[in-house]
Amino acid sequence: MENEKYTDKKGIVYLNQYHIVFCPKYRRKVLVGDIERDLKRIFEEVAKEHDVQIKAMEIMPDHVHLFISFDPRQHLHKIIQAFKRKSSRILREKYPSLKSRLPSLWTRSYFCCTVGHISEEAVKQYIENQKNV
């Protein structure tokens, strides 16, 4: 295993990486200008609060891409809820036009996909090496 790519925290070695995509309600193109700037800042705050590393973030007018990594003891769904909940509350308070145009900022759905580069052989080797620990 290449140690610089993995996190070792309290005896747990991991590389949990996810590509997340979610959209505003009705896929409205509202994530532009000051809203986009504020959304990035809010996402950075949420990541810090929940010990999530944002490896990449792209805000498009009608959807968000996040590439994140976090401790496997956390739950992906709860992390996504945290990003959506805080950003919706803050942005809808700051920008009344969002509140009047959308019943909620985000749809309930999202896309998630694990992202990794470890081979089946590396997993087998790791398991075999545990005999010597």
N, C-alpha and C. Protein backbone atom coordinates (compact mmCIF):
# COMPACT_ATOMS: atom_id res chain seq x y z
N MET A 1 0.85 -1.19 0.00
CA MET A 1 0.00 0.00 0.00
C MET A 1 0.89 1.24 0.00
N GLU A 2 0.48 2.25 -0.73
CA GLU A 2 1.21 3.50 -0.77
C GLU A 2 0.67 4.39 0.33
N ASN A 3 1.43 4.54 1.43
CA ASN A 3 0.94 5.20 2.64
C ASN A 3 0.47 6.63 2.43
N GLU A 4 1.09 7.38 1.53
CA GLU A 4 0.72 8.78 1.38
C GLU A 4 -0.70 8.96 0.82
N LYS A 5 -1.27 7.92 0.26
CA LYS A 5 -2.62 8.02 -0.29
C LYS A 5 -3.68 7.59 0.71
N TYR A 6 -3.27 6.97 1.79
CA TYR A 6 -4.21 6.44 2.77
C TYR A 6 -4.17 7.28 4.04
N THR A 7 -5.27 7.29 4.75
CA THR A 7 -5.34 7.96 6.04
C THR A 7 -5.28 6.89 7.11
N ASP A 8 -4.51 7.14 8.14
CA ASP A 8 -4.41 6.23 9.28
C ASP A 8 -4.90 7.00 10.50
N LYS A 9 -6.05 6.61 11.00
CA LYS A 9 -6.65 7.31 12.13
C LYS A 9 -7.10 6.30 13.17
N LYS A 10 -6.44 6.32 14.32
CA LYS A 10 -6.80 5.45 15.44
C LYS A 10 -6.89 3.98 15.02
N GLY A 11 -5.90 3.52 14.28
CA GLY A 11 -5.86 2.12 13.90
C GLY A 11 -6.69 1.75 12.69
N ILE A 12 -7.38 2.71 12.09
CA ILE A 12 -8.16 2.46 10.88
C ILE A 12 -7.40 3.08 9.71
N VAL A 13 -7.04 2.28 8.75
CA VAL A 13 -6.37 2.77 7.55
C VAL A 13 -7.40 2.75 6.44
N TYR A 14 -7.59 3.89 5.79
CA TYR A 14 -8.65 3.95 4.79
C TYR A 14 -8.34 4.93 3.67
N LEU A 15 -9.07 4.72 2.60
CA LEU A 15 -9.10 5.63 1.47
C LEU A 15 -10.53 5.57 0.94
N ASN A 16 -11.43 6.24 1.65
CA ASN A 16 -12.85 6.30 1.28
C ASN A 16 -13.04 7.53 0.41
N GLN A 17 -13.33 7.35 -0.84
CA GLN A 17 -13.52 8.48 -1.74
C GLN A 17 -14.83 8.31 -2.49
N TYR A 18 -15.58 9.40 -2.57
CA TYR A 18 -16.88 9.35 -3.24
C TYR A 18 -17.02 10.54 -4.19
N HIS A 19 -17.65 10.27 -5.31
CA HIS A 19 -18.09 11.32 -6.23
C HIS A 19 -19.58 11.49 -5.96
N ILE A 20 -19.98 12.68 -5.58
CA ILE A 20 -21.36 12.98 -5.22
C ILE A 20 -21.90 14.03 -6.20
N VAL A 21 -23.13 13.85 -6.64
CA VAL A 21 -23.80 14.84 -7.49
C VAL A 21 -25.21 15.03 -6.95
N PHE A 22 -25.61 16.29 -6.77
CA PHE A 22 -27.01 16.57 -6.46
C PHE A 22 -27.43 17.88 -7.08
N CYS A 23 -28.75 18.08 -7.18
CA CYS A 23 -29.31 19.17 -7.98
C CYS A 23 -30.30 20.00 -7.18
N PRO A 24 -30.45 21.27 -7.57
CA PRO A 24 -31.53 22.07 -7.00
C PRO A 24 -32.89 21.50 -7.44
N LYS A 25 -33.90 21.78 -6.65
CA LYS A 25 -35.26 21.36 -6.98
C LYS A 25 -35.60 21.82 -8.40
N TYR A 26 -36.25 20.96 -9.14
CA TYR A 26 -36.66 21.20 -10.53
C TYR A 26 -35.47 21.48 -11.45
N ARG A 27 -34.28 21.17 -10.98
CA ARG A 27 -33.04 21.39 -11.72
C ARG A 27 -32.93 22.84 -12.21
N ARG A 28 -33.41 23.75 -11.38
CA ARG A 28 -33.33 25.18 -11.71
C ARG A 28 -31.88 25.65 -11.73
N LYS A 29 -31.58 26.55 -12.63
CA LYS A 29 -30.21 27.07 -12.78
C LYS A 29 -30.02 28.27 -11.86
N VAL A 30 -29.94 27.99 -10.56
CA VAL A 30 -29.86 29.06 -9.56
C VAL A 30 -28.49 29.16 -8.89
N LEU A 31 -27.59 28.24 -9.16
CA LEU A 31 -26.30 28.20 -8.48
C LEU A 31 -25.26 29.00 -9.25
N VAL A 32 -25.48 30.30 -9.32
CA VAL A 32 -24.61 31.19 -10.10
C VAL A 32 -24.26 32.42 -9.27
N GLY A 33 -23.21 33.12 -9.69
CA GLY A 33 -22.83 34.39 -9.08
C GLY A 33 -22.54 34.29 -7.59
N ASP A 34 -23.14 35.19 -6.82
CA ASP A 34 -22.92 35.22 -5.37
C ASP A 34 -23.40 33.95 -4.70
N ILE A 35 -24.46 33.35 -5.22
CA ILE A 35 -24.97 32.11 -4.63
C ILE A 35 -23.91 31.01 -4.78
N GLU A 36 -23.30 30.92 -5.93
CA GLU A 36 -22.24 29.92 -6.15
C GLU A 36 -21.08 30.15 -5.18
N ARG A 37 -20.65 31.39 -5.05
CA ARG A 37 -19.53 31.73 -4.15
C ARG A 37 -19.87 31.36 -2.71
N ASP A 38 -21.08 31.74 -2.26
CA ASP A 38 -21.49 31.43 -0.89
C ASP A 38 -21.64 29.93 -0.68
N LEU A 39 -22.13 29.23 -1.68
CA LEU A 39 -22.31 27.78 -1.57
C LEU A 39 -20.96 27.09 -1.36
N LYS A 40 -19.95 27.51 -2.09
CA LYS A 40 -18.61 26.92 -1.90
C LYS A 40 -18.12 27.14 -0.47
N ARG A 41 -18.31 28.34 0.04
CA ARG A 41 -17.88 28.65 1.40
C ARG A 41 -18.63 27.80 2.42
N ILE A 42 -19.94 27.66 2.23
CA ILE A 42 -20.76 26.84 3.13
C ILE A 42 -20.32 25.38 3.09
N PHE A 43 -20.08 24.86 1.90
CA PHE A 43 -19.63 23.47 1.78
C PHE A 43 -18.29 23.27 2.50
N GLU A 44 -17.39 24.25 2.40
CA GLU A 44 -16.11 24.15 3.10
C GLU A 44 -16.32 24.12 4.61
N GLU A 45 -17.27 24.92 5.11
CA GLU A 45 -17.60 24.92 6.54
C GLU A 45 -18.15 23.57 6.98
N VAL A 46 -19.09 23.04 6.20
CA VAL A 46 -19.69 21.74 6.53
C VAL A 46 -18.61 20.66 6.54
N ALA A 47 -17.74 20.69 5.57
CA ALA A 47 -16.66 19.69 5.51
C ALA A 47 -15.80 19.76 6.76
N LYS A 48 -15.46 20.96 7.17
CA LYS A 48 -14.64 21.12 8.37
C LYS A 48 -15.39 20.61 9.61
N GLU A 49 -16.67 20.95 9.73
CA GLU A 49 -17.48 20.54 10.88
C GLU A 49 -17.61 19.03 10.98
N HIS A 50 -17.62 18.34 9.84
CA HIS A 50 -17.86 16.89 9.81
C HIS A 50 -16.60 16.08 9.48
N ASP A 51 -15.45 16.74 9.51
CA ASP A 51 -14.17 16.07 9.24
C ASP A 51 -14.19 15.36 7.88
N VAL A 52 -14.64 16.09 6.88
CA VAL A 52 -14.70 15.59 5.50
C VAL A 52 -13.67 16.37 4.68
N GLN A 53 -12.91 15.66 3.88
CA GLN A 53 -11.96 16.32 3.00
C GLN A 53 -12.60 16.48 1.63
N ILE A 54 -12.69 17.73 1.17
CA ILE A 54 -13.17 17.99 -0.20
C ILE A 54 -11.94 17.98 -1.10
N LYS A 55 -11.87 16.98 -1.97
CA LYS A 55 -10.74 16.85 -2.88
C LYS A 55 -10.97 17.65 -4.16
N ALA A 56 -12.23 17.81 -4.53
CA ALA A 56 -12.60 18.63 -5.68
C ALA A 56 -14.06 19.03 -5.52
N MET A 57 -14.37 20.22 -6.03
CA MET A 57 -15.74 20.72 -5.96
C MET A 57 -16.00 21.54 -7.21
N GLU A 58 -17.12 21.29 -7.85
CA GLU A 58 -17.53 22.08 -9.01
C GLU A 58 -19.00 22.40 -8.86
N ILE A 59 -19.31 23.68 -8.88
CA ILE A 59 -20.69 24.14 -8.79
C ILE A 59 -21.12 24.55 -10.19
N MET A 60 -22.08 23.84 -10.74
CA MET A 60 -22.65 24.18 -12.03
C MET A 60 -23.97 24.90 -11.77
N PRO A 61 -24.51 25.62 -12.74
CA PRO A 61 -25.76 26.34 -12.49
C PRO A 61 -26.91 25.46 -11.98
N ASP A 62 -26.95 24.19 -12.43
CA ASP A 62 -28.08 23.34 -12.05
C ASP A 62 -27.69 22.03 -11.35
N HIS A 63 -26.43 21.92 -10.92
CA HIS A 63 -26.03 20.76 -10.12
C HIS A 63 -24.66 20.99 -9.49
N VAL A 64 -24.33 20.12 -8.54
CA VAL A 64 -23.09 20.21 -7.78
C VAL A 64 -22.33 18.89 -7.91
N HIS A 65 -21.03 18.98 -8.10
CA HIS A 65 -20.15 17.81 -8.05
C HIS A 65 -19.23 17.97 -6.84
N LEU A 66 -19.18 16.96 -5.99
CA LEU A 66 -18.24 16.93 -4.88
C LEU A 66 -17.44 15.63 -4.96
N PHE A 67 -16.15 15.74 -4.78
CA PHE A 67 -15.28 14.57 -4.65
C PHE A 67 -14.75 14.63 -3.23
N ILE A 68 -15.22 13.73 -2.38
CA ILE A 68 -14.94 13.82 -0.95
C ILE A 68 -14.33 12.52 -0.41
N SER A 69 -13.68 12.67 0.73
CA SER A 69 -13.13 11.54 1.46
C SER A 69 -13.43 11.76 2.93
N PHE A 70 -13.72 10.67 3.66
CA PHE A 70 -14.03 10.80 5.08
C PHE A 70 -13.83 9.47 5.79
N ASP A 71 -13.79 9.54 7.09
CA ASP A 71 -13.61 8.38 7.97
C ASP A 71 -14.74 7.38 7.72
N PRO A 72 -14.42 6.09 7.57
CA PRO A 72 -15.45 5.09 7.27
C PRO A 72 -16.46 4.88 8.40
N ARG A 73 -16.18 5.43 9.59
CA ARG A 73 -17.15 5.31 10.68
C ARG A 73 -18.30 6.29 10.52
N GLN A 74 -18.16 7.21 9.58
CA GLN A 74 -19.24 8.16 9.30
C GLN A 74 -20.16 7.56 8.22
N HIS A 75 -21.36 8.10 8.14
CA HIS A 75 -22.33 7.61 7.17
C HIS A 75 -22.46 8.60 6.02
N LEU A 76 -22.31 8.09 4.81
CA LEU A 76 -22.38 8.93 3.62
C LEU A 76 -23.68 9.72 3.55
N HIS A 77 -24.79 9.07 3.79
CA HIS A 77 -26.09 9.74 3.68
C HIS A 77 -26.18 10.93 4.65
N LYS A 78 -25.68 10.76 5.85
CA LYS A 78 -25.72 11.85 6.84
C LYS A 78 -24.82 13.01 6.43
N ILE A 79 -23.70 12.70 5.81
CA ILE A 79 -22.81 13.76 5.33
C ILE A 79 -23.48 14.55 4.22
N ILE A 80 -24.11 13.86 3.28
CA ILE A 80 -24.81 14.55 2.19
C ILE A 80 -25.95 15.40 2.76
N GLN A 81 -26.69 14.86 3.73
CA GLN A 81 -27.75 15.63 4.38
C GLN A 81 -27.19 16.90 5.00
N ALA A 82 -26.03 16.81 5.63
CA ALA A 82 -25.43 17.98 6.27
C ALA A 82 -25.09 19.05 5.24
N PHE A 83 -24.51 18.65 4.10
CA PHE A 83 -24.21 19.62 3.05
C PHE A 83 -25.49 20.29 2.56
N LYS A 84 -26.51 19.50 2.30
CA LYS A 84 -27.77 20.04 1.77
C LYS A 84 -28.50 20.90 2.80
N ARG A 85 -28.60 20.41 4.03
CA ARG A 85 -29.39 21.10 5.06
C ARG A 85 -28.83 22.49 5.36
N LYS A 86 -27.53 22.56 5.65
CA LYS A 86 -26.95 23.85 6.03
C LYS A 86 -26.96 24.82 4.86
N SER A 87 -26.62 24.35 3.67
CA SER A 87 -26.58 25.26 2.52
C SER A 87 -27.98 25.76 2.18
N SER A 88 -28.98 24.90 2.27
CA SER A 88 -30.35 25.32 1.97
C SER A 88 -30.81 26.39 2.95
N ARG A 89 -30.57 26.15 4.23
CA ARG A 89 -31.02 27.09 5.26
C ARG A 89 -30.36 28.46 5.08
N ILE A 90 -29.04 28.47 4.93
CA ILE A 90 -28.32 29.74 4.84
C ILE A 90 -28.64 30.47 3.54
N LEU A 91 -28.62 29.78 2.42
CA LEU A 91 -28.85 30.44 1.13
C LEU A 91 -30.28 30.95 1.00
N ARG A 92 -31.25 30.18 1.48
CA ARG A 92 -32.64 30.62 1.37
C ARG A 92 -32.93 31.80 2.30
N GLU A 93 -32.20 31.91 3.41
CA GLU A 93 -32.35 33.09 4.28
C GLU A 93 -31.71 34.31 3.63
N LYS A 94 -30.54 34.12 3.04
CA LYS A 94 -29.80 35.25 2.46
C LYS A 94 -30.39 35.72 1.13
N TYR A 95 -30.93 34.79 0.35
CA TYR A 95 -31.46 35.11 -0.98
C TYR A 95 -32.95 34.78 -1.03
N PRO A 96 -33.81 35.74 -0.72
CA PRO A 96 -35.26 35.49 -0.70
C PRO A 96 -35.81 34.97 -2.03
N SER A 97 -35.15 35.29 -3.13
CA SER A 97 -35.63 34.81 -4.43
C SER A 97 -35.60 33.28 -4.49
N LEU A 98 -34.66 32.67 -3.81
CA LEU A 98 -34.62 31.20 -3.76
C LEU A 98 -35.82 30.66 -3.01
N LYS A 99 -36.18 31.33 -1.94
CA LYS A 99 -37.31 30.89 -1.12
C LYS A 99 -38.62 30.99 -1.89
N SER A 100 -38.75 32.05 -2.67
CA SER A 100 -40.00 32.25 -3.41
C SER A 100 -40.09 31.36 -4.65
N ARG A 101 -38.96 30.97 -5.22
CA ARG A 101 -38.96 30.16 -6.45
C ARG A 101 -38.98 28.66 -6.20
N LEU A 102 -38.49 28.24 -5.03
CA LEU A 102 -38.33 26.81 -4.76
C LEU A 102 -38.88 26.45 -3.39
N PRO A 103 -39.67 25.38 -3.29
CA PRO A 103 -40.18 24.95 -1.99
C PRO A 103 -39.05 24.45 -1.07
N SER A 104 -38.00 23.92 -1.67
CA SER A 104 -36.76 23.58 -0.95
C SER A 104 -35.64 23.73 -1.97
N LEU A 105 -34.44 24.00 -1.49
CA LEU A 105 -33.36 24.26 -2.44
C LEU A 105 -32.96 23.01 -3.21
N TRP A 106 -32.87 21.86 -2.51
CA TRP A 106 -32.35 20.65 -3.13
C TRP A 106 -33.43 19.60 -3.34
N THR A 107 -33.22 18.76 -4.34
CA THR A 107 -34.06 17.57 -4.48
C THR A 107 -33.67 16.60 -3.36
N ARG A 108 -34.51 15.61 -3.13
CA ARG A 108 -34.17 14.60 -2.11
C ARG A 108 -33.13 13.61 -2.62
N SER A 109 -33.01 13.50 -3.91
CA SER A 109 -32.13 12.48 -4.49
C SER A 109 -30.69 12.98 -4.63
N TYR A 110 -29.81 12.03 -4.86
CA TYR A 110 -28.42 12.34 -5.17
C TYR A 110 -27.79 11.13 -5.85
N PHE A 111 -26.67 11.37 -6.48
CA PHE A 111 -25.88 10.30 -7.09
C PHE A 111 -24.61 10.15 -6.27
N CYS A 112 -24.20 8.92 -6.01
CA CYS A 112 -22.91 8.71 -5.35
C CYS A 112 -22.23 7.49 -5.96
N CYS A 113 -20.93 7.58 -6.05
CA CYS A 113 -20.14 6.50 -6.63
C CYS A 113 -18.80 6.46 -5.90
N THR A 114 -18.37 5.26 -5.53
CA THR A 114 -17.05 5.16 -4.91
C THR A 114 -15.99 5.40 -5.98
N VAL A 115 -14.89 5.97 -5.55
CA VAL A 115 -13.79 6.26 -6.46
C VAL A 115 -12.54 5.64 -5.84
N GLY A 116 -11.85 4.81 -6.59
CA GLY A 116 -10.66 4.18 -6.04
C GLY A 116 -9.73 3.68 -7.11
N HIS A 117 -8.57 3.29 -6.66
CA HIS A 117 -7.57 2.81 -7.60
C HIS A 117 -6.89 1.55 -7.10
N ILE A 118 -7.40 0.96 -6.06
CA ILE A 118 -6.78 -0.24 -5.51
C ILE A 118 -7.25 -1.46 -6.29
N SER A 119 -6.32 -2.35 -6.53
CA SER A 119 -6.65 -3.55 -7.31
C SER A 119 -7.09 -4.68 -6.38
N GLU A 120 -7.72 -5.65 -6.97
CA GLU A 120 -8.11 -6.85 -6.22
C GLU A 120 -6.87 -7.51 -5.62
N GLU A 121 -5.78 -7.48 -6.36
CA GLU A 121 -4.53 -8.09 -5.88
C GLU A 121 -4.01 -7.37 -4.63
N ALA A 122 -4.11 -6.05 -4.59
CA ALA A 122 -3.67 -5.30 -3.41
C ALA A 122 -4.50 -5.65 -2.18
N VAL A 123 -5.79 -5.85 -2.36
CA VAL A 123 -6.65 -6.26 -1.25
C VAL A 123 -6.23 -7.63 -0.74
N LYS A 124 -6.01 -8.55 -1.66
CA LYS A 124 -5.57 -9.90 -1.27
C LYS A 124 -4.24 -9.84 -0.51
N GLN A 125 -3.32 -9.01 -1.01
CA GLN A 125 -2.01 -8.88 -0.36
C GLN A 125 -2.16 -8.31 1.04
N TYR A 126 -3.00 -7.31 1.20
CA TYR A 126 -3.25 -6.72 2.52
C TYR A 126 -3.79 -7.77 3.49
N ILE A 127 -4.75 -8.56 3.03
CA ILE A 127 -5.35 -9.59 3.88
C ILE A 127 -4.29 -10.63 4.27
N GLU A 128 -3.48 -11.03 3.31
CA GLU A 128 -2.42 -12.00 3.60
C GLU A 128 -1.42 -11.43 4.61
N ASN A 129 -1.09 -10.15 4.48
CA ASN A 129 -0.12 -9.52 5.38
C ASN A 129 -0.62 -9.43 6.81
N GLN A 130 -1.92 -9.51 7.02
CA GLN A 130 -2.48 -9.42 8.36
C GLN A 130 -2.07 -10.62 9.22
N LYS A 131 -1.71 -11.71 8.60
CA LYS A 131 -1.25 -12.89 9.35
C LYS A 131 0.02 -12.59 10.12
N ASN A 132 0.81 -11.65 9.62
CA ASN A 132 2.10 -11.32 10.23
C ASN A 132 2.02 -10.18 11.23
N VAL A 133 0.85 -9.65 11.46
CA VAL A 133 0.71 -8.49 12.36
C VAL A 133 0.66 -8.94 13.80
